[in-house]
Amino acid sequence: MSRGLIAAIAGTGLAAALLIPGGSAQAATPKPPRPPKGARAVVVVSPNPTTERGQRVTITGHCGGGKGLRAVLAGIDREHPVLRDIRVVKDDPKGFVAKATLSPTIGNGVGPVFVDCGGEAGVTLLVTHV
C-alpha cells in the first residue's frame, strides 16, 4: 500500500485500513461506542419470547459498574405490569439473577424490563405470545 494512499485515508479522519506485514491492507472493524455512564447494566430475560400467562421467567445480567441489583421493573405503569412476583435471587453486580411470573392479564406484544443497579441501569424488551 502506498504512503500516499495511507496519508489520504488518515487525512479523512477514518481508520479505514490497517497496514499488515507483507504490504496488504485490511479494513478496520470499528469498535461500537460504550453506552453512556448510567446506562451500562445489561439485562436478559429468559425465555424470550414467552408463550403463556403465568409463565416463570429468569432475569439475568450484570451491573456494568453499578453497585448491585436494586430493583427490577417491568411494564409502563403500575396498572399494566408485564411481570409479577419479582424476586431478586442474587444481587451480585458481576452477575445478578431474579425470578418473576408473567402477568395473567398480559396479551400479545412487547414490554420493557428495566433493572436498577445503583448507579447504572439497563433495559430489554420481553416479547409475549400468549
Protein backbone atom coordinates (compact mmCIF):
# COMPACT_ATOMS: atom_id res chain seq x y z
CA MET A 1 0.00 0.00 0.00
CA SER A 2 1.45 3.37 -0.95
CA ARG A 3 2.25 6.03 1.63
CA GLY A 4 0.11 8.48 -0.36
CA LEU A 5 -2.96 6.27 -0.01
CA ILE A 6 -2.32 5.77 3.72
CA ALA A 7 -1.97 9.54 4.15
CA ALA A 8 -5.18 10.14 2.18
CA ILE A 9 -7.10 7.66 4.34
CA ALA A 10 -5.62 9.11 7.53
CA GLY A 11 -6.46 12.62 6.30
CA THR A 12 -10.19 11.76 6.14
CA GLY A 13 -10.22 11.01 9.86
CA LEU A 14 -11.32 7.44 9.16
CA ALA A 15 -9.36 4.40 10.25
CA ALA A 16 -10.36 2.58 7.07
CA ALA A 17 -7.26 0.44 6.64
CA LEU A 18 -4.54 -1.16 8.69
CA LEU A 19 -1.12 -1.86 7.31
CA ILE A 20 -0.46 -5.58 7.58
CA PRO A 21 3.08 -7.02 7.44
CA GLY A 22 3.74 -8.03 3.86
CA GLY A 23 2.16 -4.87 2.42
CA SER A 24 -1.53 -5.87 2.31
CA ALA A 25 -4.35 -3.82 3.80
CA GLN A 26 -7.36 -4.97 5.80
CA ALA A 27 -10.47 -2.94 6.62
CA ALA A 28 -10.59 -1.96 10.28
CA THR A 29 -13.63 -3.01 12.26
CA PRO A 30 -14.75 -0.02 14.30
CA LYS A 31 -15.49 -0.76 17.93
CA PRO A 32 -19.04 0.24 18.91
CA PRO A 33 -19.16 3.05 21.47
CA ARG A 34 -19.89 2.15 25.08
CA PRO A 35 -23.25 3.25 26.43
CA PRO A 36 -23.15 6.46 28.48
CA LYS A 37 -22.48 6.35 32.22
CA GLY A 38 -25.72 5.49 33.99
CA ALA A 39 -26.89 3.11 31.25
CA ARG A 40 -24.32 0.30 31.32
CA ALA A 41 -26.18 -2.50 33.06
CA VAL A 42 -27.02 -5.49 30.85
CA VAL A 43 -30.26 -7.44 31.31
CA VAL A 44 -31.56 -10.63 29.64
CA VAL A 45 -34.95 -12.28 30.16
CA SER A 46 -35.32 -15.99 29.52
CA PRO A 47 -37.37 -17.46 27.94
CA ASN A 48 -37.96 -14.68 25.46
CA PRO A 49 -40.44 -14.75 23.84
CA THR A 50 -42.84 -16.11 26.44
CA THR A 51 -45.77 -18.26 25.40
CA GLU A 52 -48.28 -18.46 28.27
CA ARG A 53 -49.76 -16.32 31.01
CA GLY A 54 -48.27 -17.10 34.41
CA GLN A 55 -45.06 -18.44 32.87
CA ARG A 56 -41.96 -18.21 35.09
CA VAL A 57 -39.07 -16.18 33.68
CA THR A 58 -35.49 -15.61 34.79
CA ILE A 59 -33.85 -12.18 34.62
CA THR A 60 -30.04 -12.25 34.45
CA GLY A 61 -27.25 -9.82 33.62
CA HIS A 62 -24.53 -7.67 35.11
CA CYS A 63 -24.43 -4.15 36.52
CA GLY A 64 -21.78 -2.65 34.23
CA GLY A 65 -20.02 -0.91 37.10
CA GLY A 66 -23.09 -0.37 39.29
CA LYS A 67 -23.26 -1.37 42.96
CA GLY A 68 -25.59 -4.36 42.64
CA LEU A 69 -29.13 -5.20 41.58
CA ARG A 70 -31.54 -2.94 43.50
CA ALA A 71 -34.79 -3.43 41.57
CA VAL A 72 -36.42 -4.99 38.51
CA LEU A 73 -39.32 -3.10 36.95
CA ALA A 74 -41.44 -4.42 34.10
CA GLY A 75 -44.13 -2.58 32.18
CA ILE A 76 -45.04 1.02 31.53
CA ASP A 77 -47.07 1.73 34.67
CA ARG A 78 -48.41 0.03 37.81
CA GLU A 79 -51.81 -0.68 36.24
CA HIS A 80 -50.29 -2.74 33.40
CA PRO A 81 -47.38 -4.80 34.73
CA VAL A 82 -45.59 -7.21 32.43
CA LEU A 83 -44.16 -9.26 35.31
CA ARG A 84 -45.45 -10.02 38.79
CA ASP A 85 -43.94 -11.52 41.93
CA ILE A 86 -40.45 -10.30 41.02
CA ARG A 87 -37.90 -11.79 43.42
CA VAL A 88 -34.18 -10.99 43.44
CA VAL A 89 -32.28 -14.25 43.94
CA LYS A 90 -28.72 -12.90 43.59
CA ASP A 91 -27.83 -9.18 43.61
CA ASP A 92 -24.12 -9.54 42.72
CA PRO A 93 -23.06 -6.66 40.39
CA LYS A 94 -20.93 -9.06 38.31
CA GLY A 95 -23.85 -11.41 37.71
CA PHE A 96 -27.36 -10.96 39.07
CA VAL A 97 -30.39 -13.27 38.95
CA ALA A 98 -34.07 -12.54 39.56
CA LYS A 99 -37.22 -14.63 39.05
CA ALA A 100 -40.69 -13.43 38.08
CA THR A 101 -44.04 -14.55 36.70
CA LEU A 102 -45.66 -13.26 33.52
CA SER A 103 -48.73 -11.21 34.37
CA PRO A 104 -52.05 -13.08 33.94
CA THR A 105 -53.56 -10.04 32.17
CA ILE A 106 -50.82 -9.68 29.56
CA GLY A 107 -51.57 -10.14 25.86
CA ASN A 108 -49.51 -10.47 22.71
CA GLY A 109 -46.91 -7.76 22.37
CA VAL A 110 -43.71 -6.29 23.72
CA GLY A 111 -42.99 -4.91 27.17
CA PRO A 112 -39.90 -3.31 28.71
CA VAL A 113 -37.95 -4.88 31.57
CA PHE A 114 -35.73 -2.40 33.46
CA VAL A 115 -33.03 -3.06 36.06
CA ASP A 116 -31.67 -0.58 38.60
CA CYS A 117 -28.12 -1.38 39.65
CA GLY A 118 -27.43 1.54 41.96
CA GLY A 119 -25.75 3.94 39.56
CA GLU A 120 -26.25 2.01 36.33
CA ALA A 121 -29.49 0.97 34.63
CA GLY A 122 -30.38 -1.43 31.84
CA VAL A 123 -33.41 -2.32 29.74
CA THR A 124 -34.50 -5.09 27.43
CA LEU A 125 -37.76 -5.98 25.70
CA LEU A 126 -39.82 -9.04 26.58
CA VAL A 127 -41.92 -10.41 23.73
CA THR A 128 -45.18 -12.12 24.70
CA HIS A 129 -47.11 -14.61 22.53
CA VAL A 130 -49.99 -15.80 24.70
